[in-house]
Each structure stands twice: as C-alpha cells, then as structure tokens.
Amino acid sequence: MENQINNKLPAMFNTAEDFKIFLAKQYLSQIKNFFEKESQAMKFLSSVMNSVQKTPDLLKCQPASLINAFLTTAQLGLMPSEVSGEAYILPYNNKNGMVAQFQLGYQGIVTLLYRAGVKQIRAEIVREKDKFSLINGKIYHEIDIFKSNDERGKPIAAYAVANVNGEEISKAMNQKDIITFGERFSKSYFEYDYKTKKKTDKIGKFTPWNPENDPEGWMWKKTVLKQLAKMLPKNETINRAITEDNKDSIMSDRIAEAKKESEKLKMGNALLTDAKTEKTPKDKNPVEQAIIEGETESDFAKEVGDLMEKTNEL
C-alpha cells in the first residue's frame, strides 16, 4: 500500500484543507469501509483537519507517513483528536527527515478493550494528599471530591482497573516509573534541536507527554492501562493497535537497526567464506571480523528477538 500511496502523493501539502481534500478524494471509499456509518467517516475527516490545524508541523512531514498514520487510525475505527483522546498523529524527526507517527490514546485503548468484551474499565491519578493503598492486588483510593486537583497535590502515581467475568484486575505505577517509561521509549517525548540535529533534554512541544498538552494525566493513565491490557482479553484489532503504538517506541528503531546488521552479516557470509586465509584482522571491516570471530546472523537474530520481547513489554 505504501508504494501506491507514494505514487499518488504531491511533494508536500501546503494547508490542512489541501490535505483533507486529498484524503477525501483518494481514500474516502476506503475510509468509509472502516466505519459503520458514513457520518462517522465524515467526522473522521473533520478530526483529521482539526489535528493538522492544531499541529501545523504535520504538514512538514513526509506525505506518505502522514497518509499512513491517519489511515491506520481509520482502520482501527478511532478518531484522531485530543478531544476524543482515542489517537494522536505526532510529528517527529528521524534520519530521513520529519515523519508523522500514529500514537494510541488512553481512550482509544478503552474503546478497543470494550469492543473486545472487557467491562468497567477505569483509570485514575493518585495525588499527594489522597489516601491510597495497594494490598494483595486490591486498590483502595480515597479522594476528597470537595478539593481541586491543586489542593489534592501533585500527581504521584496512576492505576487502572478492569472487570473481566466478575473478577477485578488492576495495575498501578508510581510517578518515577511512568516518567521513566516515557523518557526511555517514546520518540516524541523529548524536543528536537534542528541546529544540532539531536534530541534535547526538554520535553517536546507537541508530545501528549507534555503536561501543558495533558493536564488531566491521560498519558499516565494510558501507560498503566497498556500494562494492564496484557492481562485482559484482546482481539486482532487491539493487538494491531498496540503494535502500531509501539512504533512510537525507540525500541522499534533498535529492532530495525539490528535487522539491518543481520542482513549485512548474511551478505558477509556469502562473500567472505575464505576471509580467514585472505585477510589479516586489521584489514577486515566489522562485519567480516564478526564472521571470522564466530558471530553470525544467528547472534543478531537472538538480539532482534530480545529487542522484540522488550518492545512487547511496553
């Protein structure tokens, strides 16, 4: 599908309206198939335009990545909107320039889990002055509803609870673990410096991890719910949604790099069967040396497998 998209795309979209018109002209029938009602498809197109208007840097992204990100959202039957909280399309930089990335929202996970048959899903933020305890997997959280969030104190933790066949299943994480999760795994977490072409230690302007974009702590709730989802009934759609969401993970880049190295080794094995006798170690490139020293593509396969396992833990 990506090659077909590339053949149809302009070099760049100038405005949100241009992008919406192109999407409707080229992919409207496809988008309609992803939703039960035509009105939902029309609502999706409106959400697309609003998303691009709110994050104008999306128009600087490679057009193919922008189309793919929004079509992924439509295929999952979700709305790309901060209002709905189901999905976000975010711009970020990689070695090939600026690209658009699909990111699953908290409400998107809830929507998909409900479709999979899970009942009574909820997630909450725990603040400094709340009464909270976790005993043998059972969560007790007391909130003074007459106090504002500021009066309750700063967020210190989050948890998610779901009911499956009458059984309550829960997951809780503290502030440090949640923030560390975002810093380690989200490509969009840190701001990108165009001059140095490196990420800074400042939180990104457009990322939903930025408290200014997420005053209610939805990303905290999403993080714990995503961990809880591992213990809940799922279907093919939510599995695909989580897989797409994990592409925002830094780990996905490491997996791609490991696969490239594996391909290099395969080529090396074919070309360097007599490398031991023809070259001295100082003449060899790293791939050749790895082969001679006994490191084969199977070693990289194991590395890729380990990285995939870590990605599944996200």
Protein backbone atom coordinates (compact mmCIF):
# COMPACT_ATOMS: atom_id res chain seq x y z
CA MET A 1 0.00 0.00 0.00
CA GLU A 2 2.89 2.37 0.75
CA ASN A 3 4.16 2.23 -2.87
CA GLN A 4 0.67 3.02 -4.14
CA ILE A 5 0.47 5.95 -1.74
CA ASN A 6 3.86 7.27 -2.84
CA ASN A 7 2.78 7.20 -6.49
CA LYS A 8 -0.23 9.40 -5.79
CA LEU A 9 1.29 11.92 -3.39
CA PRO A 10 2.32 15.52 -4.02
CA ALA A 11 5.77 16.59 -2.82
CA MET A 12 4.19 18.37 0.16
CA PHE A 13 0.82 19.54 1.49
CA ASN A 14 0.53 23.30 1.91
CA THR A 15 -2.53 23.57 4.15
CA ALA A 16 -4.75 21.40 6.34
CA GLU A 17 -7.56 21.95 3.83
CA ASP A 18 -5.36 20.67 0.97
CA PHE A 19 -4.57 17.55 2.94
CA LYS A 20 -8.21 16.91 3.86
CA ILE A 21 -9.34 17.32 0.22
CA PHE A 22 -6.63 14.95 -0.99
CA LEU A 23 -7.53 12.37 1.65
CA ALA A 24 -11.23 12.58 0.78
CA LYS A 25 -10.61 12.40 -2.97
CA GLN A 26 -8.19 9.47 -2.90
CA TYR A 27 -9.28 7.43 0.13
CA LEU A 28 -12.89 8.31 1.06
CA SER A 29 -14.36 4.97 -0.05
CA GLN A 30 -11.64 3.15 1.87
CA ILE A 31 -12.24 5.26 4.98
CA LYS A 32 -16.00 4.62 4.78
CA ASN A 33 -15.33 0.88 4.88
CA PHE A 34 -13.55 1.29 8.22
CA PHE A 35 -16.60 2.83 9.94
CA GLU A 36 -20.12 1.53 10.42
CA LYS A 37 -21.77 4.78 9.34
CA GLU A 38 -20.94 7.34 6.68
CA SER A 39 -21.41 10.10 9.27
CA GLN A 40 -18.53 8.59 11.27
CA ALA A 41 -16.29 8.75 8.19
CA MET A 42 -17.21 12.42 7.74
CA LYS A 43 -16.47 13.04 11.40
CA PHE A 44 -13.11 11.34 10.93
CA LEU A 45 -12.20 13.73 8.08
CA SER A 46 -13.13 16.70 10.26
CA SER A 47 -10.94 15.33 13.04
CA VAL A 48 -8.09 14.95 10.56
CA MET A 49 -8.32 18.61 9.58
CA ASN A 50 -8.52 19.76 13.19
CA SER A 51 -5.48 17.65 14.09
CA VAL A 52 -3.38 19.14 11.29
CA GLN A 53 -4.51 22.67 12.10
CA LYS A 54 -3.60 22.23 15.75
CA THR A 55 -0.21 20.68 14.92
CA PRO A 56 0.94 22.51 11.76
CA ASP A 57 4.32 20.73 11.82
CA LEU A 58 2.46 17.70 10.46
CA LEU A 59 2.42 19.47 7.09
CA LYS A 60 6.23 19.36 7.16
CA CYS A 61 6.17 15.56 7.48
CA GLN A 62 6.80 13.18 4.61
CA PRO A 63 3.38 12.92 2.88
CA ALA A 64 3.41 9.09 2.78
CA SER A 65 3.94 8.89 6.54
CA LEU A 66 1.10 11.37 7.11
CA ILE A 67 -1.33 9.36 4.98
CA ASN A 68 -0.28 6.07 6.57
CA ALA A 69 -0.69 7.43 10.10
CA PHE A 70 -4.22 8.70 9.52
CA LEU A 71 -5.30 5.60 7.56
CA THR A 72 -4.03 3.43 10.42
CA THR A 73 -6.26 5.45 12.76
CA ALA A 74 -9.26 4.99 10.47
CA GLN A 75 -8.62 1.26 10.06
CA LEU A 76 -8.79 0.89 13.84
CA GLY A 77 -12.08 2.79 13.87
CA LEU A 78 -10.66 5.57 16.04
CA MET A 79 -10.77 9.37 15.89
CA PRO A 80 -7.51 11.36 15.74
CA SER A 81 -8.39 14.03 18.25
CA GLU A 82 -7.21 15.40 21.57
CA VAL A 83 -10.88 15.86 22.43
CA SER A 84 -11.72 12.19 21.97
CA GLY A 85 -8.32 11.08 23.29
CA GLU A 86 -8.51 7.96 21.08
CA ALA A 87 -5.46 8.60 18.91
CA TYR A 88 -2.84 11.22 18.11
CA ILE A 89 -0.77 11.86 14.99
CA LEU A 90 2.56 13.40 16.00
CA PRO A 91 5.49 14.84 14.03
CA TYR A 92 8.98 13.72 14.92
CA ASN A 93 12.39 13.66 13.31
CA ASN A 94 14.42 10.68 12.21
CA LYS A 95 17.45 10.21 9.97
CA ASN A 96 15.31 10.65 6.87
CA GLY A 97 13.60 13.87 7.95
CA MET A 98 10.31 14.67 9.64
CA VAL A 99 7.67 11.92 9.70
CA ALA A 100 4.18 11.54 11.13
CA GLN A 101 3.63 8.85 13.75
CA PHE A 102 0.40 7.25 14.95
CA GLN A 103 0.05 7.12 18.74
CA LEU A 104 -2.74 5.34 20.56
CA GLY A 105 -4.52 7.37 23.23
CA TYR A 106 -5.91 6.25 26.58
CA GLN A 107 -9.50 6.44 25.37
CA GLY A 108 -8.51 4.50 22.26
CA ILE A 109 -7.34 1.58 24.38
CA VAL A 110 -10.56 1.77 26.42
CA THR A 111 -12.67 1.78 23.24
CA LEU A 112 -10.86 -1.24 21.80
CA LEU A 113 -10.98 -3.19 25.08
CA TYR A 114 -14.73 -2.60 25.34
CA ARG A 115 -15.09 -3.93 21.81
CA ALA A 116 -13.12 -7.00 22.93
CA GLY A 117 -15.63 -7.62 25.73
CA VAL A 118 -13.87 -6.11 28.76
CA LYS A 119 -16.22 -4.33 31.18
CA GLN A 120 -15.97 -1.46 33.68
CA ILE A 121 -12.57 -0.10 32.71
CA ARG A 122 -11.28 2.89 34.65
CA ALA A 123 -8.02 4.61 35.42
CA GLU A 124 -7.22 7.28 37.99
CA ILE A 125 -4.41 9.63 39.00
CA VAL A 126 -3.23 9.45 42.59
CA ARG A 127 -2.23 12.79 44.15
CA GLU A 128 -0.07 13.61 47.17
CA LYS A 129 -2.89 14.17 49.66
CA ASP A 130 -5.09 11.28 48.53
CA LYS A 131 -5.40 8.17 50.67
CA PHE A 132 -4.10 5.27 48.63
CA SER A 133 -3.03 1.69 49.29
CA LEU A 134 -2.41 -1.45 47.26
CA ILE A 135 -2.90 -4.64 49.25
CA ASN A 136 -2.62 -8.06 47.58
CA GLY A 137 -3.54 -6.57 44.23
CA LYS A 138 -6.56 -4.75 45.64
CA ILE A 139 -6.55 -0.96 45.23
CA TYR A 140 -8.02 1.39 47.83
CA HIS A 141 -8.15 5.04 46.78
CA GLU A 142 -9.98 7.75 48.70
CA ILE A 143 -10.41 11.21 47.14
CA ASP A 144 -11.81 14.34 48.73
CA ILE A 145 -14.11 15.47 45.92
CA PHE A 146 -14.52 18.89 47.53
CA LYS A 147 -10.86 19.68 46.85
CA SER A 148 -9.46 20.76 43.49
CA ASN A 149 -6.61 18.88 41.86
CA ASP A 150 -4.20 21.57 43.03
CA GLU A 151 -5.45 21.20 46.58
CA ARG A 152 -5.02 17.44 46.38
CA GLY A 153 -1.35 17.95 45.48
CA LYS A 154 0.92 16.86 42.66
CA PRO A 155 0.38 13.58 40.79
CA ILE A 156 2.43 10.79 42.35
CA ALA A 157 1.00 7.63 40.75
CA ALA A 158 -1.66 6.18 38.48
CA TYR A 159 -3.60 2.95 38.29
CA ALA A 160 -6.06 1.13 36.05
CA VAL A 161 -8.78 -1.37 36.94
CA ALA A 162 -10.91 -3.62 34.73
CA ASN A 163 -13.63 -6.15 35.39
CA VAL A 164 -13.44 -9.44 33.49
CA ASN A 165 -16.10 -12.08 34.16
CA GLY A 166 -16.76 -10.59 37.58
CA GLU A 167 -13.08 -10.53 38.53
CA GLU A 168 -11.34 -7.21 39.20
CA ILE A 169 -7.86 -6.93 37.68
CA SER A 170 -5.62 -3.94 38.43
CA LYS A 171 -2.24 -2.38 37.71
CA ALA A 172 -0.54 0.56 39.50
CA MET A 173 2.65 2.51 38.73
CA ASN A 174 4.37 5.33 40.61
CA GLN A 175 5.39 8.68 39.10
CA LYS A 176 9.05 7.78 38.62
CA ASP A 177 8.28 4.59 36.72
CA ILE A 178 5.72 6.30 34.48
CA ILE A 179 8.00 9.23 33.57
CA THR A 180 10.95 6.88 33.04
CA PHE A 181 8.77 4.84 30.71
CA GLY A 182 8.01 7.90 28.58
CA GLU A 183 11.60 9.12 28.52
CA ARG A 184 13.03 5.72 27.59
CA PHE A 185 10.55 4.58 25.00
CA SER A 186 8.69 7.47 23.36
CA LYS A 187 10.34 9.02 20.30
CA SER A 188 8.23 12.15 20.71
CA TYR A 189 8.96 12.69 24.42
CA PHE A 190 11.98 14.99 24.01
CA GLU A 191 12.23 18.13 21.90
CA TYR A 192 14.34 18.01 18.73
CA ASP A 193 17.05 20.61 18.08
CA TYR A 194 17.15 21.38 14.36
CA LYS A 195 20.58 23.03 14.59
CA THR A 196 22.39 20.13 16.24
CA LYS A 197 20.02 17.55 14.73
CA LYS A 198 19.77 15.87 18.13
CA LYS A 199 17.15 15.44 20.79
CA THR A 200 17.41 17.73 23.81
CA ASP A 201 16.59 17.07 27.46
CA LYS A 202 13.47 19.25 27.15
CA ILE A 203 10.05 17.70 26.83
CA GLY A 204 8.56 18.01 23.32
CA LYS A 205 6.20 20.85 22.43
CA PHE A 206 3.62 18.64 20.70
CA THR A 207 4.01 15.38 22.61
CA PRO A 208 0.98 14.30 24.69
CA TRP A 209 3.51 13.61 27.47
CA ASN A 210 3.85 17.38 27.95
CA PRO A 211 1.73 18.39 30.99
CA GLU A 212 0.59 21.50 29.09
CA ASN A 213 -1.00 19.22 26.47
CA ASP A 214 -2.25 16.72 29.03
CA PRO A 215 -3.36 18.46 32.25
CA GLU A 216 -5.62 15.52 33.16
CA GLY A 217 -2.78 12.98 33.03
CA TRP A 218 -4.19 10.83 30.23
CA MET A 219 -0.73 9.61 29.22
CA TRP A 220 -0.15 8.39 32.78
CA LYS A 221 -3.47 6.57 32.65
CA LYS A 222 -2.68 5.16 29.22
CA THR A 223 0.68 3.83 30.42
CA VAL A 224 -0.80 1.81 33.29
CA LEU A 225 -3.79 0.69 31.21
CA LYS A 226 -1.46 -0.53 28.47
CA GLN A 227 0.36 -2.65 31.05
CA LEU A 228 -2.95 -3.89 32.43
CA ALA A 229 -4.11 -4.79 28.90
CA LYS A 230 -1.56 -7.62 28.85
CA MET A 231 -3.74 -9.43 31.39
CA LEU A 232 -7.06 -8.73 29.62
CA PRO A 233 -8.95 -10.37 26.74
CA LYS A 234 -7.85 -8.94 23.39
CA ASN A 235 -8.65 -9.37 19.73
CA GLU A 236 -6.80 -8.84 16.46
CA THR A 237 -7.73 -5.16 16.30
CA ILE A 238 -6.34 -4.20 19.69
CA ASN A 239 -3.24 -6.31 19.10
CA ARG A 240 -2.62 -4.36 15.90
CA ALA A 241 -3.35 -1.05 17.66
CA ILE A 242 -0.76 -1.79 20.34
CA THR A 243 1.74 -2.90 17.68
CA GLU A 244 1.25 0.38 15.81
CA ASP A 245 1.52 2.32 19.06
CA ASN A 246 4.81 0.58 19.83
CA LYS A 247 6.23 2.04 16.62
CA ASP A 248 6.47 5.28 18.60
CA SER A 249 8.89 3.36 20.80
CA ILE A 250 12.61 3.99 20.50
CA MET A 251 12.92 0.19 20.74
CA SER A 252 11.36 -0.15 17.28
CA ASP A 253 14.30 1.77 15.79
CA ARG A 254 16.75 -0.50 17.58
CA ILE A 255 14.98 -3.56 16.18
CA ALA A 256 15.20 -2.09 12.66
CA GLU A 257 18.92 -1.38 13.15
CA ALA A 258 19.53 -4.92 14.41
CA LYS A 259 17.72 -6.35 11.38
CA LYS A 260 19.91 -4.27 9.06
CA GLU A 261 23.01 -5.60 10.78
CA SER A 262 21.66 -9.12 10.36
CA GLU A 263 21.27 -8.53 6.62
CA LYS A 264 24.86 -7.28 6.45
CA LEU A 265 26.07 -10.45 8.10
CA LYS A 266 24.11 -12.62 5.67
CA MET A 267 25.79 -10.82 2.78
CA GLY A 268 29.10 -11.15 4.56
CA ASN A 269 28.71 -14.89 4.95
CA ALA A 270 28.18 -15.24 1.22
CA LEU A 271 31.11 -13.06 0.23
CA LEU A 272 33.70 -13.92 2.85
CA THR A 273 33.81 -17.70 3.03
CA ASP A 274 37.60 -17.67 2.80
CA ALA A 275 38.12 -14.48 4.81
CA LYS A 276 40.27 -16.24 7.41
CA THR A 277 43.02 -17.05 4.93
CA GLU A 278 42.88 -13.98 2.68
CA LYS A 279 42.95 -11.09 5.17
CA THR A 280 44.57 -10.12 8.39
CA PRO A 281 42.34 -8.80 11.21
CA LYS A 282 43.38 -5.18 10.69
CA ASP A 283 42.17 -5.32 7.06
CA LYS A 284 38.70 -6.51 7.94
CA ASN A 285 35.61 -4.40 8.38
CA PRO A 286 33.40 -5.03 11.48
CA VAL A 287 31.06 -7.37 9.61
CA GLU A 288 33.91 -9.51 8.27
CA GLN A 289 35.59 -9.60 11.65
CA ALA A 290 32.34 -10.66 13.33
CA ILE A 291 32.05 -13.58 10.93
CA ILE A 292 35.64 -14.70 11.44
CA GLU A 293 35.28 -14.47 15.20
CA GLY A 294 32.21 -16.68 15.06
CA GLU A 295 29.44 -14.08 15.31
CA THR A 296 26.84 -14.99 12.71
CA GLU A 297 23.40 -13.82 11.74
CA SER A 298 22.00 -16.17 14.37
CA ASP A 299 23.56 -13.95 17.03
CA PHE A 300 21.81 -10.95 15.55
CA ALA A 301 18.59 -12.94 15.28
CA LYS A 302 18.81 -13.51 19.02
CA GLU A 303 19.43 -9.79 19.54
CA VAL A 304 16.41 -8.92 17.43
CA GLY A 305 14.35 -11.44 19.40
CA ASP A 306 15.46 -9.88 22.69
CA LEU A 307 14.54 -6.41 21.43
CA MET A 308 11.15 -7.64 20.23
CA GLU A 309 10.50 -9.09 23.67
CA LYS A 310 11.34 -5.76 25.28
CA THR A 311 9.02 -3.98 22.86
CA ASN A 312 6.19 -6.31 23.84
CA GLU A 313 6.74 -5.20 27.42
CA LEU A 314 5.88 -1.59 26.54
